[in-house]
Amino acid sequence: MNVTLYGYWRSLATYRVRVALNLKGIDYEEISINLAAGEQFGETYAALNPQHVLPVLNHDGRDITQSMAILEYIEDIWASPKLLPVAAYEKAQIRALALVTIADTHPLIVPRVRNFLNTEWKLDESAQTKWAQHWFTVGNEAIERILVKSGRAKTYSFGNEVSLADIALASHAIGSALFKVDISKTPIFAKIFSNCMLLPAFANAHPLKQEGAPKTL
């Protein structure tokens, strides 16, 4: 079995995949694609992912893109521990919570979007940060409301077992920290994140623990 992850230390989407691989106990090699240097637009990486985004998971010669698709692929290939339940409604709840950040928040703050804000509307770094802070805050509040409504949050989002939703929420919390957004105003979310980071699978995948990362944010 050969598993290669193409990622970048700062990539929140790559973080999600690292966590899933760690939870499943899968050995993998990570190859860094430097987003800041534009390596995602080079011919070599374009051959892996024509969309020029991270991550890509290569498993036995097959490339999978998009973090949600990769997470579900990992769940399908490696059965234990389970990250999604069998029951359709519970599975849908977990996916829906995960997508608050994967599909709604994260796409709004990635480098290509912030670069466009600069080139088209001359928004400087300070304005771009304010933009990202707004969307992370909106996401934090939505996550908290969903957790309250479901009534199932305990150690983790849906009880005492880690699910795909917790992987997504952890990436959102780390993204909030990158842009200096305080999650203490969403206490259930903050507690779940704290519990996740007690697990080596989450802690060891943290962006600041990856090769090429700075010592502090």
Protein backbone atom coordinates (compact mmCIF):
# COMPACT_ATOMS: atom_id res chain seq x y z
CA MET A 1 0.00 0.00 0.00
CA ASN A 2 1.36 3.39 -1.01
CA VAL A 3 -0.25 6.58 0.34
CA THR A 4 1.04 10.03 -0.56
CA LEU A 5 -0.51 13.30 0.56
CA TYR A 6 0.24 16.49 -1.35
CA GLY A 7 -0.29 19.38 1.02
CA TYR A 8 1.09 22.49 2.65
CA TRP A 9 1.69 23.28 6.30
CA ARG A 10 -0.87 26.10 6.39
CA SER A 11 -3.58 24.36 4.36
CA LEU A 12 -6.66 23.71 6.51
CA ALA A 13 -7.97 21.21 3.97
CA THR A 14 -4.71 19.27 4.20
CA TYR A 15 -4.98 19.37 7.99
CA ARG A 16 -8.33 17.60 7.80
CA VAL A 17 -6.85 14.79 5.74
CA ARG A 18 -3.82 14.45 8.03
CA VAL A 19 -6.12 13.99 11.01
CA ALA A 20 -8.19 11.31 9.28
CA LEU A 21 -5.09 9.38 8.22
CA ASN A 22 -3.70 9.64 11.74
CA LEU A 23 -6.95 8.44 13.31
CA LYS A 24 -7.00 5.44 10.99
CA GLY A 25 -3.34 4.67 11.71
CA ILE A 26 -2.33 4.96 8.05
CA ASP A 27 1.32 5.47 7.19
CA TYR A 28 1.74 8.12 4.52
CA GLU A 29 4.28 10.43 2.95
CA GLU A 30 3.46 14.12 2.71
CA ILE A 31 4.90 16.16 -0.14
CA SER A 32 4.76 19.92 0.38
CA ILE A 33 3.37 22.12 -2.38
CA ASN A 34 4.31 25.66 -1.46
CA LEU A 35 1.16 27.72 -1.98
CA ALA A 36 2.92 30.95 -1.10
CA ALA A 37 5.44 30.36 -3.89
CA GLY A 38 2.77 29.37 -6.42
CA GLU A 39 3.94 25.77 -6.83
CA GLN A 40 0.31 24.70 -7.23
CA PHE A 41 0.34 26.34 -10.67
CA GLY A 42 3.39 24.44 -11.94
CA GLU A 43 3.03 21.77 -14.62
CA THR A 44 3.94 18.92 -12.28
CA TYR A 45 1.20 19.66 -9.78
CA ALA A 46 -1.31 20.63 -12.45
CA ALA A 47 -0.99 17.08 -13.76
CA LEU A 48 -2.17 15.86 -10.35
CA ASN A 49 -4.90 18.43 -9.85
CA PRO A 50 -5.97 20.68 -12.75
CA GLN A 51 -7.84 22.88 -10.24
CA HIS A 52 -4.50 23.90 -8.66
CA VAL A 53 -5.73 23.46 -5.09
CA LEU A 54 -4.73 21.29 -2.14
CA PRO A 55 -4.80 18.57 -1.05
CA VAL A 56 -4.38 15.55 -3.29
CA LEU A 57 -4.31 12.04 -1.88
CA ASN A 58 -2.60 9.41 -4.01
CA HIS A 59 -3.46 5.87 -2.98
CA ASP A 60 -1.85 3.08 -4.95
CA GLY A 61 -1.48 5.29 -8.02
CA ARG A 62 -4.95 6.85 -7.91
CA ASP A 63 -5.41 10.58 -7.23
CA ILE A 64 -8.31 11.90 -5.15
CA THR A 65 -8.96 15.63 -4.75
CA GLN A 66 -11.18 17.79 -2.49
CA SER A 67 -10.86 17.21 1.25
CA MET A 68 -14.45 16.04 1.79
CA ALA A 69 -14.15 13.46 -0.98
CA ILE A 70 -10.79 12.37 0.42
CA LEU A 71 -12.20 12.03 3.94
CA GLU A 72 -15.04 9.85 2.71
CA TYR A 73 -12.64 7.81 0.58
CA ILE A 74 -10.47 7.18 3.64
CA GLU A 75 -13.58 6.16 5.57
CA ASP A 76 -14.60 3.74 2.81
CA ILE A 77 -11.17 2.14 2.40
CA TRP A 78 -10.08 1.89 6.03
CA ALA A 79 -12.97 0.79 8.18
CA SER A 80 -11.67 1.45 11.69
CA PRO A 81 -12.21 3.57 13.65
CA LYS A 82 -15.50 4.67 12.15
CA LEU A 83 -15.84 8.38 11.43
CA LEU A 84 -19.35 8.18 10.02
CA PRO A 85 -22.30 6.23 11.46
CA VAL A 86 -24.40 3.79 9.47
CA ALA A 87 -27.77 5.46 10.09
CA ALA A 88 -28.65 7.78 7.22
CA TYR A 89 -30.01 10.68 9.30
CA GLU A 90 -27.08 10.71 11.73
CA LYS A 91 -24.65 10.50 8.83
CA ALA A 92 -26.37 13.45 7.15
CA GLN A 93 -26.16 15.50 10.36
CA ILE A 94 -22.42 14.93 10.61
CA ARG A 95 -21.83 15.77 6.96
CA ALA A 96 -23.96 18.91 7.24
CA LEU A 97 -22.01 20.21 10.23
CA ALA A 98 -18.70 19.45 8.52
CA LEU A 99 -19.79 21.31 5.41
CA VAL A 100 -20.42 24.52 7.35
CA THR A 101 -16.69 25.04 7.27
CA ILE A 102 -15.58 22.84 4.35
CA ALA A 103 -18.11 24.24 1.85
CA ASP A 104 -19.27 27.56 3.30
CA THR A 105 -16.50 29.26 5.28
CA HIS A 106 -13.17 27.90 4.11
CA PRO A 107 -13.71 28.61 0.37
CA LEU A 108 -14.18 32.31 1.16
CA ILE A 109 -10.80 32.82 2.84
CA VAL A 110 -8.35 30.79 0.76
CA PRO A 111 -5.37 32.58 -0.86
CA ARG A 112 -6.85 32.72 -4.37
CA VAL A 113 -9.92 34.55 -3.04
CA ARG A 114 -7.91 36.97 -0.93
CA ASN A 115 -5.56 37.60 -3.85
CA PHE A 116 -8.57 38.41 -6.04
CA LEU A 117 -9.83 40.87 -3.44
CA ASN A 118 -6.47 42.60 -3.71
CA THR A 119 -6.05 42.60 -7.48
CA GLU A 120 -9.65 43.56 -8.31
CA TRP A 121 -10.62 45.85 -5.42
CA LYS A 122 -7.23 46.80 -3.95
CA LEU A 123 -8.03 45.38 -0.53
CA ASP A 124 -4.77 45.36 1.40
CA GLU A 125 -3.70 42.68 3.88
CA SER A 126 -5.52 44.38 6.74
CA ALA A 127 -8.78 44.47 4.79
CA GLN A 128 -8.32 40.87 3.67
CA THR A 129 -7.83 39.83 7.30
CA LYS A 130 -11.02 41.64 8.28
CA TRP A 131 -12.83 39.78 5.50
CA ALA A 132 -11.54 36.41 6.77
CA GLN A 133 -12.34 37.29 10.39
CA HIS A 134 -15.92 38.11 9.44
CA TRP A 135 -16.51 34.77 7.74
CA PHE A 136 -14.82 32.74 10.45
CA THR A 137 -16.96 34.49 13.05
CA VAL A 138 -20.13 33.78 11.06
CA GLY A 139 -19.04 30.15 10.81
CA ASN A 140 -18.26 29.91 14.53
CA GLU A 141 -21.71 31.19 15.41
CA ALA A 142 -23.42 28.83 12.97
CA ILE A 143 -21.50 25.85 14.33
CA GLU A 144 -22.45 26.76 17.90
CA ARG A 145 -26.14 27.10 17.03
CA ILE A 146 -26.15 23.74 15.26
CA LEU A 147 -24.46 22.05 18.21
CA VAL A 148 -27.03 23.54 20.57
CA LYS A 149 -29.95 22.53 18.36
CA SER A 150 -28.77 18.93 17.93
CA GLY A 151 -28.36 18.46 21.68
CA ARG A 152 -25.89 15.64 21.08
CA ALA A 153 -22.60 17.37 21.83
CA LYS A 154 -20.66 15.72 24.63
CA THR A 155 -16.92 15.13 24.43
CA TYR A 156 -17.22 15.61 20.68
CA SER A 157 -19.82 17.03 18.31
CA PHE A 158 -22.12 14.02 18.27
CA GLY A 159 -21.38 12.17 21.49
CA ASN A 160 -18.25 10.62 22.91
CA GLU A 161 -16.77 9.26 19.68
CA VAL A 162 -14.82 11.29 17.14
CA SER A 163 -16.55 11.82 13.82
CA LEU A 164 -15.81 13.50 10.53
CA ALA A 165 -17.58 16.59 11.92
CA ASP A 166 -14.93 16.98 14.62
CA ILE A 167 -12.16 16.91 12.03
CA ALA A 168 -13.87 19.72 10.15
CA LEU A 169 -14.55 21.73 13.31
CA ALA A 170 -10.94 21.43 14.42
CA SER A 171 -9.77 22.80 11.08
CA HIS A 172 -12.20 25.70 11.48
CA ALA A 173 -10.92 26.49 14.97
CA ILE A 174 -7.31 26.45 13.74
CA GLY A 175 -8.27 28.73 10.86
CA SER A 176 -9.93 31.07 13.34
CA ALA A 177 -6.67 31.19 15.31
CA LEU A 178 -4.67 31.89 12.15
CA PHE A 179 -6.77 35.00 11.64
CA LYS A 180 -6.95 35.88 15.35
CA VAL A 181 -10.65 35.15 15.83
CA ASP A 182 -11.58 34.27 19.42
CA ILE A 183 -13.73 31.14 19.67
CA SER A 184 -14.36 31.50 23.42
CA LYS A 185 -17.66 33.21 22.61
CA THR A 186 -18.85 29.87 21.23
CA PRO A 187 -18.17 27.71 24.32
CA ILE A 188 -19.49 24.35 23.12
CA PHE A 189 -17.46 24.60 19.95
CA ALA A 190 -14.40 25.73 21.92
CA LYS A 191 -14.68 22.81 24.35
CA ILE A 192 -15.02 20.25 21.55
CA PHE A 193 -11.93 21.69 19.87
CA SER A 194 -10.02 21.52 23.14
CA ASN A 195 -11.01 17.86 23.55
CA CYS A 196 -9.96 17.07 19.99
CA MET A 197 -6.53 18.59 20.52
CA LEU A 198 -5.92 16.22 23.42
CA LEU A 199 -5.76 13.43 20.84
CA PRO A 200 -2.37 12.91 19.13
CA ALA A 201 -4.09 12.40 15.76
CA PHE A 202 -5.33 16.00 15.90
CA ALA A 203 -2.41 17.59 17.74
CA ASN A 204 0.31 16.06 15.56
CA ALA A 205 -1.47 17.20 12.39
CA HIS A 206 -1.50 20.86 13.51
CA PRO A 207 -0.14 23.24 10.87
CA LEU A 208 2.59 24.58 13.16
CA LYS A 209 3.99 21.07 13.64
CA GLN A 210 4.57 20.53 9.92
CA GLU A 211 7.79 20.92 8.00
CA GLY A 212 8.29 24.48 6.79
CA ALA A 213 5.92 26.02 9.34
CA PRO A 214 6.97 29.02 11.45
CA LYS A 215 7.34 28.59 15.20
CA THR A 216 4.31 30.78 15.91
CA LEU A 217 1.33 32.04 13.95
